[in-house]
């Protein structure tokens, strides 16, 4: 398995060094239907797809309810999720108002197994010219570093690459989770 990425030659007009550059983006995959997920889970578990769907629907309802009450919710086998906000900080109590909130967020924190899976999955890059013609294909040799915004940095490990990891650019993030 590999994550597929496209690097296409584009005219970049912003930034310190405008000009023609290869810009990377994920290769878009065909979405998997919910029905396919349930059928596959049924095959792996020996439980009927209908029972799995009913259980998943019930779990989804519980997750939505608890998350909107401010809980951090475990998603077994995946990680945890919670809701948060991005907002401006102010110095004075009288300046605290609802309009300081710029966006509501869904925050997902993957568990170690999910992070390890991502670290150990190669990345295949297809380089395209401006017209979409394939110029070359490259398979990653990076460190497998994972951005971990939840813990203020990144974790490294992975697929045997030799590139030196660069720290992610951090922007102020004022998540305001409700209590558990």
C-alpha atoms as a PDB file:
ATOM      1  CA  UNK A   1       0.000   0.000   0.000  1.00  0.00           C
ATOM      2  CA  UNK A   2       1.088   3.538  -0.649  1.00  0.00           C
ATOM      3  CA  UNK A   3      -0.286   7.042  -0.368  1.00  0.00           C
ATOM      4  CA  UNK A   4      -0.436   8.627  -3.810  1.00  0.00           C
ATOM      5  CA  UNK A   5       0.602  12.247  -4.313  1.00  0.00           C
ATOM      6  CA  UNK A   6       0.756  14.382  -7.464  1.00  0.00           C
ATOM      7  CA  UNK A   7       3.500  16.988  -7.975  1.00  0.00           C
ATOM      8  CA  UNK A   8       2.400  19.206 -10.854  1.00  0.00           C
ATOM      9  CA  UNK A   9       4.269  22.075 -12.456  1.00  0.00           C
ATOM     10  CA  UNK A  10       2.336  25.294 -11.781  1.00  0.00           C
ATOM     11  CA  UNK A  11       2.915  29.016 -11.960  1.00  0.00           C
ATOM     12  CA  UNK A  12       3.241  30.175  -8.336  1.00  0.00           C
ATOM     13  CA  UNK A  13       2.537  33.887  -8.038  1.00  0.00           C
ATOM     14  CA  UNK A  14       2.728  34.339  -4.280  1.00  0.00           C
ATOM     15  CA  UNK A  15       5.521  33.943  -1.762  1.00  0.00           C
ATOM     16  CA  UNK A  16       9.147  35.035  -1.716  1.00  0.00           C
ATOM     17  CA  UNK A  17      10.176  33.205  -4.914  1.00  0.00           C
ATOM     18  CA  UNK A  18       7.349  33.238  -7.462  1.00  0.00           C
ATOM     19  CA  UNK A  19       7.759  31.228 -10.637  1.00  0.00           C
ATOM     20  CA  UNK A  20       7.163  27.757 -12.024  1.00  0.00           C
ATOM     21  CA  UNK A  21       7.303  25.150  -9.274  1.00  0.00           C
ATOM     22  CA  UNK A  22       6.154  21.603  -8.668  1.00  0.00           C
ATOM     23  CA  UNK A  23       3.241  21.825  -6.236  1.00  0.00           C
ATOM     24  CA  UNK A  24       2.189  18.681  -4.377  1.00  0.00           C
ATOM     25  CA  UNK A  25      -1.362  17.606  -3.639  1.00  0.00           C
ATOM     26  CA  UNK A  26      -2.965  14.304  -2.715  1.00  0.00           C
ATOM     27  CA  UNK A  27      -4.100  12.174  -5.623  1.00  0.00           C
ATOM     28  CA  UNK A  28      -7.855  12.026  -5.212  1.00  0.00           C
ATOM     29  CA  UNK A  29      -9.196   8.566  -4.493  1.00  0.00           C
ATOM     30  CA  UNK A  30     -12.619   7.237  -5.329  1.00  0.00           C
ATOM     31  CA  UNK A  31     -14.724   7.458  -2.164  1.00  0.00           C
ATOM     32  CA  UNK A  32     -15.637   4.126  -0.595  1.00  0.00           C
ATOM     33  CA  UNK A  33     -19.344   3.707   0.063  1.00  0.00           C
ATOM     34  CA  UNK A  34     -20.693   3.118   3.533  1.00  0.00           C
ATOM     35  CA  UNK A  35     -22.200  -0.163   2.289  1.00  0.00           C
ATOM     36  CA  UNK A  36     -18.756  -1.378   1.181  1.00  0.00           C
ATOM     37  CA  UNK A  37     -17.301  -0.582   4.619  1.00  0.00           C
ATOM     38  CA  UNK A  38     -20.015  -2.581   6.362  1.00  0.00           C
ATOM     39  CA  UNK A  39     -19.628  -5.498   3.932  1.00  0.00           C
ATOM     40  CA  UNK A  40     -15.862  -5.579   4.452  1.00  0.00           C
ATOM     41  CA  UNK A  41     -16.223  -5.396   8.243  1.00  0.00           C
ATOM     42  CA  UNK A  42     -18.747  -8.243   8.061  1.00  0.00           C
ATOM     43  CA  UNK A  43     -16.273 -10.349   6.085  1.00  0.00           C
ATOM     44  CA  UNK A  44     -13.510  -9.712   8.635  1.00  0.00           C
ATOM     45  CA  UNK A  45     -15.664 -10.272  11.717  1.00  0.00           C
ATOM     46  CA  UNK A  46     -18.223 -12.919  10.815  1.00  0.00           C
ATOM     47  CA  UNK A  47     -20.995 -10.534  11.960  1.00  0.00           C
ATOM     48  CA  UNK A  48     -23.690  -9.595   9.444  1.00  0.00           C
ATOM     49  CA  UNK A  49     -23.370  -6.241   7.674  1.00  0.00           C
ATOM     50  CA  UNK A  50     -26.826  -5.227   8.998  1.00  0.00           C
ATOM     51  CA  UNK A  51     -25.782  -5.805  12.604  1.00  0.00           C
ATOM     52  CA  UNK A  52     -22.534  -3.902  12.059  1.00  0.00           C
ATOM     53  CA  UNK A  53     -24.442  -0.993  10.482  1.00  0.00           C
ATOM     54  CA  UNK A  54     -26.935  -0.894  13.370  1.00  0.00           C
ATOM     55  CA  UNK A  55     -24.096  -0.909  15.919  1.00  0.00           C
ATOM     56  CA  UNK A  56     -22.171   1.755  13.986  1.00  0.00           C
ATOM     57  CA  UNK A  57     -25.255   3.985  13.732  1.00  0.00           C
ATOM     58  CA  UNK A  58     -25.842   3.651  17.492  1.00  0.00           C
ATOM     59  CA  UNK A  59     -22.174   4.384  18.237  1.00  0.00           C
ATOM     60  CA  UNK A  60     -22.308   7.428  15.937  1.00  0.00           C
ATOM     61  CA  UNK A  61     -25.304   8.798  17.813  1.00  0.00           C
ATOM     62  CA  UNK A  62     -23.548   8.334  21.169  1.00  0.00           C
ATOM     63  CA  UNK A  63     -20.315   9.909  19.842  1.00  0.00           C
ATOM     64  CA  UNK A  64     -22.184  12.990  18.525  1.00  0.00           C
ATOM     65  CA  UNK A  65     -24.106  13.397  21.785  1.00  0.00           C
ATOM     66  CA  UNK A  66     -21.106  13.056  24.065  1.00  0.00           C
ATOM     67  CA  UNK A  67     -18.830  15.181  21.877  1.00  0.00           C
ATOM     68  CA  UNK A  68     -21.334  18.052  21.891  1.00  0.00           C
ATOM     69  CA  UNK A  69     -21.441  17.775  25.680  1.00  0.00           C
ATOM     70  CA  UNK A  70     -17.689  18.457  25.726  1.00  0.00           C
ATOM     71  CA  UNK A  71     -16.272  14.959  26.134  1.00  0.00           C
ATOM     72  CA  UNK A  72     -13.194  13.559  24.410  1.00  0.00           C
ATOM     73  CA  UNK A  73     -14.527  10.378  22.791  1.00  0.00           C
ATOM     74  CA  UNK A  74     -12.474   7.210  22.221  1.00  0.00           C
ATOM     75  CA  UNK A  75     -12.891   5.743  18.738  1.00  0.00           C
ATOM     76  CA  UNK A  76     -11.761   2.147  19.314  1.00  0.00           C
ATOM     77  CA  UNK A  77      -8.928   1.148  17.019  1.00  0.00           C
ATOM     78  CA  UNK A  78      -8.526   4.697  15.680  1.00  0.00           C
ATOM     79  CA  UNK A  79      -7.926   7.314  18.379  1.00  0.00           C
ATOM     80  CA  UNK A  80     -10.027  10.010  20.009  1.00  0.00           C
ATOM     81  CA  UNK A  81     -12.087  12.948  18.813  1.00  0.00           C
ATOM     82  CA  UNK A  82     -13.418  16.057  20.428  1.00  0.00           C
ATOM     83  CA  UNK A  83     -14.812  19.390  19.427  1.00  0.00           C
ATOM     84  CA  UNK A  84     -12.912  22.629  19.896  1.00  0.00           C
ATOM     85  CA  UNK A  85     -12.769  26.195  18.639  1.00  0.00           C
ATOM     86  CA  UNK A  86     -10.210  28.505  17.074  1.00  0.00           C
ATOM     87  CA  UNK A  87     -10.515  31.956  18.601  1.00  0.00           C
ATOM     88  CA  UNK A  88      -8.770  35.232  19.254  1.00  0.00           C
ATOM     89  CA  UNK A  89      -7.241  35.900  22.659  1.00  0.00           C
ATOM     90  CA  UNK A  90      -8.092  39.103  24.510  1.00  0.00           C
ATOM     91  CA  UNK A  91      -6.647  40.702  27.611  1.00  0.00           C
ATOM     92  CA  UNK A  92      -9.766  42.184  29.209  1.00  0.00           C
ATOM     93  CA  UNK A  93     -12.767  40.323  30.625  1.00  0.00           C
ATOM     94  CA  UNK A  94     -15.186  42.775  29.025  1.00  0.00           C
ATOM     95  CA  UNK A  95     -13.717  41.931  25.600  1.00  0.00           C
ATOM     96  CA  UNK A  96     -14.668  38.238  25.885  1.00  0.00           C
ATOM     97  CA  UNK A  97     -17.539  37.749  23.421  1.00  0.00           C
ATOM     98  CA  UNK A  98     -18.842  34.986  21.201  1.00  0.00           C
ATOM     99  CA  UNK A  99     -17.587  36.790  18.076  1.00  0.00           C
ATOM    100  CA  UNK A 100     -13.990  35.978  19.116  1.00  0.00           C
ATOM    101  CA  UNK A 101     -14.609  32.425  17.897  1.00  0.00           C
ATOM    102  CA  UNK A 102     -13.498  32.207  14.269  1.00  0.00           C
ATOM    103  CA  UNK A 103     -14.250  28.540  13.627  1.00  0.00           C
ATOM    104  CA  UNK A 104     -15.540  25.409  15.303  1.00  0.00           C
ATOM    105  CA  UNK A 105     -13.297  22.385  14.906  1.00  0.00           C
ATOM    106  CA  UNK A 106     -13.376  18.616  15.013  1.00  0.00           C
ATOM    107  CA  UNK A 107     -10.112  17.458  16.539  1.00  0.00           C
ATOM    108  CA  UNK A 108      -9.034  13.888  15.879  1.00  0.00           C
ATOM    109  CA  UNK A 109      -6.035  12.420  17.670  1.00  0.00           C
ATOM    110  CA  UNK A 110      -4.966   9.124  16.128  1.00  0.00           C
ATOM    111  CA  UNK A 111      -3.760   6.317  18.370  1.00  0.00           C
ATOM    112  CA  UNK A 112      -0.233   4.914  18.162  1.00  0.00           C
ATOM    113  CA  UNK A 113      -1.242   2.100  15.783  1.00  0.00           C
ATOM    114  CA  UNK A 114      -2.752   4.545  13.284  1.00  0.00           C
ATOM    115  CA  UNK A 115       0.312   6.813  13.516  1.00  0.00           C
ATOM    116  CA  UNK A 116       2.634   3.827  13.031  1.00  0.00           C
ATOM    117  CA  UNK A 117       0.633   2.729   9.988  1.00  0.00           C
ATOM    118  CA  UNK A 118       1.020   6.186   8.460  1.00  0.00           C
ATOM    119  CA  UNK A 119       4.735   6.357   9.355  1.00  0.00           C
ATOM    120  CA  UNK A 120       5.370   3.018   7.679  1.00  0.00           C
ATOM    121  CA  UNK A 121       3.320   3.651   4.533  1.00  0.00           C
ATOM    122  CA  UNK A 122       5.350   4.767   1.554  1.00  0.00           C
ATOM    123  CA  UNK A 123       4.359   7.762  -0.515  1.00  0.00           C
ATOM    124  CA  UNK A 124       4.352   7.495  -4.289  1.00  0.00           C
ATOM    125  CA  UNK A 125       4.755  10.822  -6.066  1.00  0.00           C
ATOM    126  CA  UNK A 126       3.777  11.203  -9.717  1.00  0.00           C
ATOM    127  CA  UNK A 127       5.376  14.271 -11.297  1.00  0.00           C
ATOM    128  CA  UNK A 128       3.322  15.972 -14.007  1.00  0.00           C
ATOM    129  CA  UNK A 129       4.025  18.845 -16.355  1.00  0.00           C
ATOM    130  CA  UNK A 130       1.566  21.734 -16.739  1.00  0.00           C
ATOM    131  CA  UNK A 131      -0.504  19.719 -19.232  1.00  0.00           C
ATOM    132  CA  UNK A 132      -0.811  16.660 -16.981  1.00  0.00           C
ATOM    133  CA  UNK A 133       1.776  14.492 -18.757  1.00  0.00           C
ATOM    134  CA  UNK A 134       3.761  12.135 -16.511  1.00  0.00           C
ATOM    135  CA  UNK A 135       7.417  13.189 -16.204  1.00  0.00           C
ATOM    136  CA  UNK A 136       8.564  10.680 -13.553  1.00  0.00           C
ATOM    137  CA  UNK A 137       7.483   8.697 -10.502  1.00  0.00           C
ATOM    138  CA  UNK A 138       9.220   8.769  -7.134  1.00  0.00           C
ATOM    139  CA  UNK A 139       8.718   6.622  -4.028  1.00  0.00           C
ATOM    140  CA  UNK A 140       9.316   8.275  -0.682  1.00  0.00           C
ATOM    141  CA  UNK A 141      12.452   7.852   1.336  1.00  0.00           C
ATOM    142  CA  UNK A 142      11.458  10.366   3.987  1.00  0.00           C
ATOM    143  CA  UNK A 143      11.602   9.871   7.742  1.00  0.00           C
ATOM    144  CA  UNK A 144       7.894   9.177   8.066  1.00  0.00           C
ATOM    145  CA  UNK A 145       7.543  12.099  10.456  1.00  0.00           C
ATOM    146  CA  UNK A 146       3.962  12.660  11.577  1.00  0.00           C
ATOM    147  CA  UNK A 147       2.628  16.114  12.392  1.00  0.00           C
ATOM    148  CA  UNK A 148       1.055  15.977  15.834  1.00  0.00           C
ATOM    149  CA  UNK A 149      -0.700  19.290  16.461  1.00  0.00           C
ATOM    150  CA  UNK A 150      -2.320  17.914  19.593  1.00  0.00           C
ATOM    151  CA  UNK A 151       1.051  17.557  21.337  1.00  0.00           C
ATOM    152  CA  UNK A 152       2.696  20.649  19.871  1.00  0.00           C
ATOM    153  CA  UNK A 153       5.083  19.053  17.430  1.00  0.00           C
ATOM    154  CA  UNK A 154       5.760  15.938  15.468  1.00  0.00           C
ATOM    155  CA  UNK A 155       6.829  12.375  15.897  1.00  0.00           C
ATOM    156  CA  UNK A 156       9.362  10.647  13.711  1.00  0.00           C
ATOM    157  CA  UNK A 157      10.024   7.124  12.679  1.00  0.00           C
ATOM    158  CA  UNK A 158       9.058   5.222   9.652  1.00  0.00           C
ATOM    159  CA  UNK A 159      10.165   3.912   6.361  1.00  0.00           C
ATOM    160  CA  UNK A 160      13.939   4.218   6.414  1.00  0.00           C
ATOM    161  CA  UNK A 161      14.351   7.569   4.729  1.00  0.00           C
ATOM    162  CA  UNK A 162      17.435   9.697   4.951  1.00  0.00           C
ATOM    163  CA  UNK A 163      15.978  13.179   4.666  1.00  0.00           C
ATOM    164  CA  UNK A 164      16.310  15.391   7.718  1.00  0.00           C
ATOM    165  CA  UNK A 165      12.844  16.144   9.078  1.00  0.00           C
ATOM    166  CA  UNK A 166      11.857  19.765   9.333  1.00  0.00           C
ATOM    167  CA  UNK A 167       9.639  20.933  12.162  1.00  0.00           C
ATOM    168  CA  UNK A 168       6.112  21.923  11.178  1.00  0.00           C
ATOM    169  CA  UNK A 169       5.258  25.592  11.051  1.00  0.00           C
ATOM    170  CA  UNK A 170       3.176  26.276  14.127  1.00  0.00           C
ATOM    171  CA  UNK A 171       0.411  28.844  14.211  1.00  0.00           C
ATOM    172  CA  UNK A 172      -1.286  29.964  17.402  1.00  0.00           C
ATOM    173  CA  UNK A 173      -4.117  27.601  18.216  1.00  0.00           C
ATOM    174  CA  UNK A 174      -6.489  28.419  20.998  1.00  0.00           C
ATOM    175  CA  UNK A 175      -8.496  25.212  21.268  1.00  0.00           C
ATOM    176  CA  UNK A 176     -10.919  25.514  24.076  1.00  0.00           C
ATOM    177  CA  UNK A 177     -12.078  21.979  24.851  1.00  0.00           C
ATOM    178  CA  UNK A 178     -14.846  21.461  27.292  1.00  0.00           C
ATOM    179  CA  UNK A 179     -14.046  19.137  30.218  1.00  0.00           C
ATOM    180  CA  UNK A 180     -14.235  15.346  30.019  1.00  0.00           C
END
